C-alpha cells in the first residue's frame, strides 16, 4: 500500500487567515514586479468585494490572492497617469 503524503502547499493555500496573516502571506515571496498590498488597499478590496466575505472577515490564499492581484493590477492601470 502506498501512502500519499499531505500536500503542504495546498493546506497552506486553503488555510483560513486573519486580515494581518493574509497581508503578510500575500506579500511573502512576491516577485518584485508585482504590486504589494497594504492594510488600506485590503480594506478597500474587502469593501468592494463584500460577496467574497460572506463567512466573515476570513481570508485564504486560495480564494483571495489571485483576485487581489488582479484587482491591484487593474487599479494601477486606472490610476496611472496618461502618457503624452
PDB file of N, CA and C in Angstrom:
ATOM      1  N   UNK A   1       0.841  -1.171   0.000  1.00  0.00           N
ATOM      2  CA  UNK A   1       0.000   0.000   0.000  1.00  0.00           C
ATOM      3  C   UNK A   1       0.895   1.247   0.000  1.00  0.00           C
ATOM      4  N   UNK A   2       0.602   2.164  -0.884  1.00  0.00           N
ATOM      5  CA  UNK A   2       1.364   3.402  -0.970  1.00  0.00           C
ATOM      6  C   UNK A   2       0.583   4.494  -0.252  1.00  0.00           C
ATOM      7  N   UNK A   3       1.262   5.150   0.698  1.00  0.00           N
ATOM      8  CA  UNK A   3       0.626   6.255   1.425  1.00  0.00           C
ATOM      9  C   UNK A   3       0.938   7.560   0.712  1.00  0.00           C
ATOM     10  N   UNK A   4      -0.079   8.355   0.526  1.00  0.00           N
ATOM     11  CA  UNK A   4       0.099   9.651  -0.105  1.00  0.00           C
ATOM     12  C   UNK A   4       0.474  10.665   0.973  1.00  0.00           C
ATOM     13  N   UNK A   5       1.536  11.415   0.734  1.00  0.00           N
ATOM     14  CA  UNK A   5       1.967  12.440   1.670  1.00  0.00           C
ATOM     15  C   UNK A   5       1.023  13.637   1.602  1.00  0.00           C
ATOM     16  N   UNK A   6       0.862  14.324   2.713  1.00  0.00           N
ATOM     17  CA  UNK A   6      -0.014  15.503   2.692  1.00  0.00           C
ATOM     18  C   UNK A   6       0.552  16.597   1.780  1.00  0.00           C
ATOM     19  N   UNK A   7      -0.324  17.298   1.105  1.00  0.00           N
ATOM     20  CA  UNK A   7       0.057  18.395   0.218  1.00  0.00           C
ATOM     21  C   UNK A   7       0.150  19.662   1.068  1.00  0.00           C
ATOM     22  N   UNK A   8       1.347  19.995   1.517  1.00  0.00           N
ATOM     23  CA  UNK A   8       1.535  21.130   2.416  1.00  0.00           C
ATOM     24  C   UNK A   8       1.234  22.462   1.753  1.00  0.00           C
ATOM     25  N   UNK A   9       1.549  22.577   0.468  1.00  0.00           N
ATOM     26  CA  UNK A   9       1.269  23.829  -0.244  1.00  0.00           C
ATOM     27  C   UNK A   9      -0.235  24.053  -0.351  1.00  0.00           C
ATOM     28  N   UNK A  10      -0.960  22.999  -0.640  1.00  0.00           N
ATOM     29  CA  UNK A  10      -2.423  23.105  -0.735  1.00  0.00           C
ATOM     30  C   UNK A  10      -3.021  23.459   0.626  1.00  0.00           C
ATOM     31  N   UNK A  11      -2.544  22.811   1.665  1.00  0.00           N
ATOM     32  CA  UNK A  11      -3.038  23.104   3.014  1.00  0.00           C
ATOM     33  C   UNK A  11      -2.768  24.561   3.380  1.00  0.00           C
ATOM     34  N   UNK A  12      -1.600  25.064   3.028  1.00  0.00           N
ATOM     35  CA  UNK A  12      -1.247  26.465   3.291  1.00  0.00           C
ATOM     36  C   UNK A  12      -2.169  27.412   2.530  1.00  0.00           C
ATOM     37  N   UNK A  13      -2.458  27.075   1.271  1.00  0.00           N
ATOM     38  CA  UNK A  13      -3.308  27.922   0.432  1.00  0.00           C
ATOM     39  C   UNK A  13      -4.749  27.967   0.914  1.00  0.00           C
ATOM     40  N   UNK A  14      -5.236  26.862   1.436  1.00  0.00           N
ATOM     41  CA  UNK A  14      -6.636  26.777   1.843  1.00  0.00           C
ATOM     42  C   UNK A  14      -6.867  27.198   3.293  1.00  0.00           C
ATOM     43  N   UNK A  15      -5.814  27.411   4.038  1.00  0.00           N
ATOM     44  CA  UNK A  15      -5.929  27.766   5.446  1.00  0.00           C
ATOM     45  C   UNK A  15      -6.647  29.104   5.621  1.00  0.00           C
ATOM     46  N   UNK A  16      -7.544  29.167   6.582  1.00  0.00           N
ATOM     47  CA  UNK A  16      -8.269  30.396   6.897  1.00  0.00           C
ATOM     48  C   UNK A  16      -7.328  31.343   7.657  1.00  0.00           C
ATOM     49  N   UNK A  17      -7.224  32.573   7.170  1.00  0.00           N
ATOM     50  CA  UNK A  17      -6.281  33.540   7.726  1.00  0.00           C
ATOM     51  C   UNK A  17      -6.994  34.794   8.222  1.00  0.00           C
ATOM     52  N   UNK A  18      -6.380  35.453   9.181  1.00  0.00           N
ATOM     53  CA  UNK A  18      -6.860  36.759   9.601  1.00  0.00           C
ATOM     54  C   UNK A  18      -6.393  37.788   8.570  1.00  0.00           C
ATOM     55  N   UNK A  19      -6.886  38.983   8.702  1.00  0.00           N
ATOM     56  CA  UNK A  19      -6.509  40.094   7.830  1.00  0.00           C
ATOM     57  C   UNK A  19      -4.987  40.257   7.792  1.00  0.00           C
ATOM     58  N   UNK A  20      -4.365  40.360   8.965  1.00  0.00           N
ATOM     59  CA  UNK A  20      -2.911  40.557   9.049  1.00  0.00           C
ATOM     60  C   UNK A  20      -2.121  39.381   8.523  1.00  0.00           C
ATOM     61  N   UNK A  21      -2.588  38.168   8.789  1.00  0.00           N
ATOM     62  CA  UNK A  21      -1.907  36.975   8.286  1.00  0.00           C
ATOM     63  C   UNK A  21      -1.965  36.921   6.764  1.00  0.00           C
ATOM     64  N   UNK A  22      -3.123  37.279   6.209  1.00  0.00           N
ATOM     65  CA  UNK A  22      -3.256  37.271   4.752  1.00  0.00           C
ATOM     66  C   UNK A  22      -2.328  38.300   4.123  1.00  0.00           C
ATOM     67  N   UNK A  23      -2.281  39.502   4.694  1.00  0.00           N
ATOM     68  CA  UNK A  23      -1.429  40.556   4.151  1.00  0.00           C
ATOM     69  C   UNK A  23       0.035  40.102   4.135  1.00  0.00           C
ATOM     70  N   UNK A  24       0.489  39.506   5.230  1.00  0.00           N
ATOM     71  CA  UNK A  24       1.877  39.022   5.308  1.00  0.00           C
ATOM     72  C   UNK A  24       2.111  37.886   4.309  1.00  0.00           C
ATOM     73  N   UNK A  25       1.169  36.944   4.225  1.00  0.00           N
ATOM     74  CA  UNK A  25       1.325  35.803   3.317  1.00  0.00           C
ATOM     75  C   UNK A  25       1.272  36.246   1.855  1.00  0.00           C
ATOM     76  N   UNK A  26       0.414  37.205   1.551  1.00  0.00           N
ATOM     77  CA  UNK A  26       0.300  37.710   0.175  1.00  0.00           C
ATOM     78  C   UNK A  26       1.623  38.320  -0.281  1.00  0.00           C
ATOM     79  N   UNK A  27       2.204  39.158   0.560  1.00  0.00           N
ATOM     80  CA  UNK A  27       3.435  39.869   0.193  1.00  0.00           C
ATOM     81  C   UNK A  27       4.684  38.986   0.246  1.00  0.00           C
ATOM     82  N   UNK A  28       4.588  37.851   0.917  1.00  0.00           N
ATOM     83  CA  UNK A  28       5.732  36.950   1.086  1.00  0.00           C
ATOM     84  C   UNK A  28       6.144  36.342  -0.256  1.00  0.00           C
ATOM     85  N   UNK A  29       7.392  36.439  -0.565  1.00  0.00           N
ATOM     86  CA  UNK A  29       7.980  35.841  -1.769  1.00  0.00           C
ATOM     87  C   UNK A  29       7.305  36.297  -3.065  1.00  0.00           C
ATOM     88  N   UNK A  30       6.745  37.484  -3.065  1.00  0.00           N
ATOM     89  CA  UNK A  30       6.123  38.038  -4.261  1.00  0.00           C
ATOM     90  C   UNK A  30       7.216  38.612  -5.163  1.00  0.00           C
ATOM     91  N   UNK A  31       7.182  38.327  -6.454  1.00  0.00           N
ATOM     92  CA  UNK A  31       8.192  38.898  -7.351  1.00  0.00           C
ATOM     93  C   UNK A  31       8.196  40.430  -7.272  1.00  0.00           C
ATOM     94  N   UNK A  32       9.332  41.023  -7.475  1.00  0.00           N
ATOM     95  CA  UNK A  32       9.496  42.476  -7.357  1.00  0.00           C
ATOM     96  C   UNK A  32       8.573  43.245  -8.298  1.00  0.00           C
ATOM     97  N   UNK A  33       8.215  42.654  -9.427  1.00  0.00           N
ATOM     98  CA  UNK A  33       7.371  43.350 -10.405  1.00  0.00           C
ATOM     99  C   UNK A  33       5.894  43.395 -10.011  1.00  0.00           C
ATOM    100  N   UNK A  34       5.508  42.636  -9.001  1.00  0.00           N
ATOM    101  CA  UNK A  34       4.109  42.613  -8.579  1.00  0.00           C
ATOM    102  C   UNK A  34       3.868  43.666  -7.503  1.00  0.00           C
ATOM    103  N   UNK A  35       2.702  44.324  -7.553  1.00  0.00           N
ATOM    104  CA  UNK A  35       2.396  45.333  -6.528  1.00  0.00           C
ATOM    105  C   UNK A  35       2.160  44.688  -5.166  1.00  0.00           C
ATOM    106  N   UNK A  36       2.689  45.315  -4.141  1.00  0.00           N
ATOM    107  CA  UNK A  36       2.489  44.855  -2.768  1.00  0.00           C
ATOM    108  C   UNK A  36       1.139  45.344  -2.267  1.00  0.00           C
ATOM    109  N   UNK A  37       0.613  44.658  -1.275  1.00  0.00           N
ATOM    110  CA  UNK A  37      -0.665  45.039  -0.697  1.00  0.00           C
ATOM    111  C   UNK A  37      -0.415  45.668   0.675  1.00  0.00           C
ATOM    112  N   UNK A  38      -1.274  46.600   1.042  1.00  0.00           N
ATOM    113  CA  UNK A  38      -1.190  47.270   2.337  1.00  0.00           C
ATOM    114  C   UNK A  38      -2.546  47.149   3.022  1.00  0.00           C
ATOM    115  N   UNK A  39      -2.606  47.506   4.290  1.00  0.00           N
ATOM    116  CA  UNK A  39      -3.869  47.435   5.030  1.00  0.00           C
ATOM    117  C   UNK A  39      -4.957  48.296   4.371  1.00  0.00           C
ATOM    118  N   UNK A  40      -4.666  49.554   4.005  1.00  0.00           N
ATOM    119  CA  UNK A  40      -5.717  50.351   3.357  1.00  0.00           C
ATOM    120  C   UNK A  40      -6.216  49.735   2.042  1.00  0.00           C
ATOM    121  N   UNK A  41      -5.307  49.174   1.255  1.00  0.00           N
ATOM    122  CA  UNK A  41      -5.715  48.550  -0.007  1.00  0.00           C
ATOM    123  C   UNK A  41      -6.590  47.325   0.239  1.00  0.00           C
ATOM    124  N   UNK A  42      -6.220  46.500   1.213  1.00  0.00           N
ATOM    125  CA  UNK A  42      -7.031  45.320   1.514  1.00  0.00           C
ATOM    126  C   UNK A  42      -8.401  45.702   2.043  1.00  0.00           C
ATOM    127  N   UNK A  43      -8.469  46.752   2.830  1.00  0.00           N
ATOM    128  CA  UNK A  43      -9.770  47.214   3.338  1.00  0.00           C
ATOM    129  C   UNK A  43     -10.649  47.681   2.183  1.00  0.00           C
ATOM    130  N   UNK A  44     -10.047  48.373   1.227  1.00  0.00           N
ATOM    131  CA  UNK A  44     -10.793  48.823   0.045  1.00  0.00           C
ATOM    132  C   UNK A  44     -11.277  47.626  -0.764  1.00  0.00           C
ATOM    133  N   UNK A  45     -10.391  46.653  -0.961  1.00  0.00           N
ATOM    134  CA  UNK A  45     -10.758  45.434  -1.690  1.00  0.00           C
ATOM    135  C   UNK A  45     -11.918  44.732  -1.007  1.00  0.00           C
ATOM    136  N   UNK A  46     -11.837  44.576   0.309  1.00  0.00           N
ATOM    137  CA  UNK A  46     -12.883  43.877   1.068  1.00  0.00           C
ATOM    138  C   UNK A  46     -14.225  44.616   0.936  1.00  0.00           C
ATOM    139  N   UNK A  47     -14.171  45.928   0.963  1.00  0.00           N
ATOM    140  CA  UNK A  47     -15.390  46.730   0.835  1.00  0.00           C
ATOM    141  C   UNK A  47     -16.012  46.566  -0.558  1.00  0.00           C
ATOM    142  N   UNK A  48     -15.175  46.587  -1.591  1.00  0.00           N
ATOM    143  CA  UNK A  48     -15.658  46.469  -2.968  1.00  0.00           C
ATOM    144  C   UNK A  48     -16.103  45.051  -3.332  1.00  0.00           C
ATOM    145  N   UNK A  49     -15.557  44.058  -2.629  1.00  0.00           N
ATOM    146  CA  UNK A  49     -15.845  42.652  -2.933  1.00  0.00           C
ATOM    147  C   UNK A  49     -16.442  41.946  -1.713  1.00  0.00           C
ATOM    148  N   UNK A  50     -17.427  42.577  -1.112  1.00  0.00           N
ATOM    149  CA  UNK A  50     -18.052  42.038   0.110  1.00  0.00           C
ATOM    150  C   UNK A  50     -18.607  40.631  -0.095  1.00  0.00           C
ATOM    151  N   UNK A  51     -19.002  40.292  -1.321  1.00  0.00           N
ATOM    152  CA  UNK A  51     -19.547  38.962  -1.596  1.00  0.00           C
ATOM    153  C   UNK A  51     -18.522  37.845  -1.366  1.00  0.00           C
ATOM    154  N   UNK A  52     -17.245  38.166  -1.345  1.00  0.00           N
ATOM    155  CA  UNK A  52     -16.208  37.160  -1.088  1.00  0.00           C
ATOM    156  C   UNK A  52     -16.016  36.898   0.409  1.00  0.00           C
ATOM    157  N   UNK A  53     -16.714  37.654   1.245  1.00  0.00           N
ATOM    158  CA  UNK A  53     -16.519  37.561   2.690  1.00  0.00           C
ATOM    159  C   UNK A  53     -17.820  37.247   3.421  1.00  0.00           C
ATOM    160  N   UNK A  54     -18.650  36.416   2.837  1.00  0.00           N
ATOM    161  CA  UNK A  54     -19.927  36.046   3.436  1.00  0.00           C
ATOM    162  C   UNK A  54     -19.741  35.278   4.741  1.00  0.00           C
ATOM    163  N   UNK A  55     -18.615  34.617   4.892  1.00  0.00           N
ATOM    164  CA  UNK A  55     -18.346  33.831   6.106  1.00  0.00           C
ATOM    165  C   UNK A  55     -17.616  34.660   7.157  1.00  0.00           C
ATOM    166  N   UNK A  56     -17.615  35.969   7.017  1.00  0.00           N
ATOM    167  CA  UNK A  56     -16.921  36.822   7.980  1.00  0.00           C
ATOM    168  C   UNK A  56     -15.633  37.367   7.414  1.00  0.00           C
ATOM    169  N   UNK A  57     -14.838  37.894   8.286  1.00  0.00           N
ATOM    170  CA  UNK A  57     -13.583  38.540   7.869  1.00  0.00           C
ATOM    171  C   UNK A  57     -12.434  37.533   7.832  1.00  0.00           C
ATOM    172  N   UNK A  58     -12.622  36.423   7.129  1.00  0.00           N
ATOM    173  CA  UNK A  58     -11.578  35.414   6.982  1.00  0.00           C
ATOM    174  C   UNK A  58     -11.072  35.442   5.550  1.00  0.00           C
ATOM    175  N   UNK A  59      -9.787  35.263   5.402  1.00  0.00           N
ATOM    176  CA  UNK A  59      -9.128  35.299   4.105  1.00  0.00           C
ATOM    177  C   UNK A  59      -8.444  33.956   3.863  1.00  0.00           C
ATOM    178  N   UNK A  60      -8.192  33.623   2.608  1.00  0.00           N
ATOM    179  CA  UNK A  60      -7.355  32.471   2.266  1.00  0.00           C
ATOM    180  C   UNK A  60      -6.602  32.800   0.985  1.00  0.00           C
ATOM    181  N   UNK A  61      -5.415  32.275   0.879  1.00  0.00           N
ATOM    182  CA  UNK A  61      -4.623  32.499  -0.332  1.00  0.00           C
ATOM    183  C   UNK A  61      -5.336  31.884  -1.534  1.00  0.00           C
ATOM    184  N   UNK A  62      -5.938  30.727  -1.322  1.00  0.00           N
ATOM    185  CA  UNK A  62      -6.625  30.008  -2.383  1.00  0.00           C
ATOM    186  C   UNK A  62      -7.779  30.822  -2.970  1.00  0.00           C
ATOM    187  N   UNK A  63      -8.583  31.437  -2.126  1.00  0.00           N
ATOM    188  CA  UNK A  63      -9.760  32.155  -2.585  1.00  0.00           C
ATOM    189  C   UNK A  63      -9.483  33.609  -2.951  1.00  0.00           C
ATOM    190  N   UNK A  64      -8.563  34.269  -2.281  1.00  0.00           N
ATOM    191  CA  UNK A  64      -8.436  35.715  -2.422  1.00  0.00           C
ATOM    192  C   UNK A  64      -7.171  36.216  -3.122  1.00  0.00           C
ATOM    193  N   UNK A  65      -6.075  35.487  -3.078  1.00  0.00           N
ATOM    194  CA  UNK A  65      -4.801  36.028  -3.576  1.00  0.00           C
ATOM    195  C   UNK A  65      -4.876  36.452  -5.049  1.00  0.00           C
ATOM    196  N   UNK A  66      -5.338  35.586  -5.914  1.00  0.00           N
ATOM    197  CA  UNK A  66      -5.408  35.903  -7.353  1.00  0.00           C
ATOM    198  C   UNK A  66      -6.353  37.075  -7.602  1.00  0.00           C
ATOM    199  N   UNK A  67      -7.473  37.103  -6.887  1.00  0.00           N
ATOM    200  CA  UNK A  67      -8.434  38.193  -7.063  1.00  0.00           C
ATOM    201  C   UNK A  67      -7.842  39.529  -6.621  1.00  0.00           C
ATOM    202  N   UNK A  68      -7.114  39.522  -5.510  1.00  0.00           N
ATOM    203  CA  UNK A  68      -6.458  40.751  -5.032  1.00  0.00           C
ATOM    204  C   UNK A  68      -5.393  41.176  -6.044  1.00  0.00           C
ATOM    205  N   UNK A  69      -4.627  40.218  -6.542  1.00  0.00           N
ATOM    206  CA  UNK A  69      -3.572  40.511  -7.508  1.00  0.00           C
ATOM    207  C   UNK A  69      -4.158  41.151  -8.774  1.00  0.00           C
ATOM    208  N   UNK A  70      -5.229  40.570  -9.297  1.00  0.00           N
ATOM    209  CA  UNK A  70      -5.880  41.115 -10.495  1.00  0.00           C
ATOM    210  C   UNK A  70      -6.440  42.506 -10.215  1.00  0.00           C
ATOM    211  N   UNK A  71      -7.069  42.673  -9.044  1.00  0.00           N
ATOM    212  CA  UNK A  71      -7.651  43.961  -8.673  1.00  0.00           C
ATOM    213  C   UNK A  71      -6.563  45.030  -8.547  1.00  0.00           C
ATOM    214  N   UNK A  72      -5.441  44.701  -7.908  1.00  0.00           N
ATOM    215  CA  UNK A  72      -4.348  45.663  -7.764  1.00  0.00           C
ATOM    216  C   UNK A  72      -3.798  46.076  -9.124  1.00  0.00           C
ATOM    217  N   UNK A  73      -3.660  45.107 -10.011  1.00  0.00           N
ATOM    218  CA  UNK A  73      -3.136  45.390 -11.345  1.00  0.00           C
ATOM    219  C   UNK A  73      -4.087  46.291 -12.118  1.00  0.00           C
ATOM    220  N   UNK A  74      -5.374  45.975 -12.106  1.00  0.00           N
ATOM    221  CA  UNK A  74      -6.342  46.804 -12.831  1.00  0.00           C
ATOM    222  C   UNK A  74      -6.464  48.177 -12.177  1.00  0.00           C
ATOM    223  N   UNK A  75      -6.352  48.241 -10.871  1.00  0.00           N
ATOM    224  CA  UNK A  75      -6.422  49.502 -10.136  1.00  0.00           C
ATOM    225  C   UNK A  75      -5.251  50.410 -10.519  1.00  0.00           C
ATOM    226  N   UNK A  76      -4.067  49.829 -10.690  1.00  0.00           N
ATOM    227  CA  UNK A  76      -2.898  50.638 -11.046  1.00  0.00           C
ATOM    228  C   UNK A  76      -3.019  51.191 -12.454  1.00  0.00           C
ATOM    229  N   UNK A  77      -3.660  50.435 -13.359  1.00  0.00           N
ATOM    230  CA  UNK A  77      -3.871  50.941 -14.709  1.00  0.00           C
ATOM    231  C   UNK A  77      -4.869  52.082 -14.714  1.00  0.00           C
ATOM    232  N   UNK A  78      -5.891  51.995 -13.871  1.00  0.00           N
ATOM    233  CA  UNK A  78      -6.910  53.048 -13.793  1.00  0.00           C
ATOM    234  C   UNK A  78      -6.326  54.325 -13.207  1.00  0.00           C
ATOM    235  N   UNK A  79      -5.464  54.186 -12.191  1.00  0.00           N
ATOM    236  CA  UNK A  79      -4.936  55.361 -11.520  1.00  0.00           C
ATOM    237  C   UNK A  79      -3.630  55.880 -12.121  1.00  0.00           C
ATOM    238  N   UNK A  80      -3.075  55.168 -13.105  1.00  0.00           N
ATOM    239  CA  UNK A  80      -1.822  55.593 -13.720  1.00  0.00           C
ATOM    240  C   UNK A  80      -2.065  56.829 -14.587  1.00  0.00           C
ATOM    241  N   UNK A  81      -1.138  57.789 -14.546  1.00  0.00           N
ATOM    242  CA  UNK A  81      -1.307  58.978 -15.385  1.00  0.00           C
ATOM    243  C   UNK A  81      -1.156  58.617 -16.860  1.00  0.00           C
ATOM    244  N   UNK A  82      -1.854  59.351 -17.685  1.00  0.00           N
ATOM    245  CA  UNK A  82      -1.768  59.103 -19.127  1.00  0.00           C
ATOM    246  C   UNK A  82      -0.459  59.670 -19.660  1.00  0.00           C
ATOM    247  N   UNK A  83       0.070  58.968 -20.625  1.00  0.00           N
ATOM    248  CA  UNK A  83       1.312  59.422 -21.269  1.00  0.00           C
ATOM    249  C   UNK A  83       0.975  60.466 -22.313  1.00  0.00           C
ATOM    250  N   UNK A  84       1.873  61.443 -22.521  1.00  0.00           N
ATOM    251  CA  UNK A  84       1.627  62.491 -23.541  1.00  0.00           C
ATOM    252  C   UNK A  84       1.662  61.941 -24.948  1.00  0.00           C
TER     253      UNK A  84
END
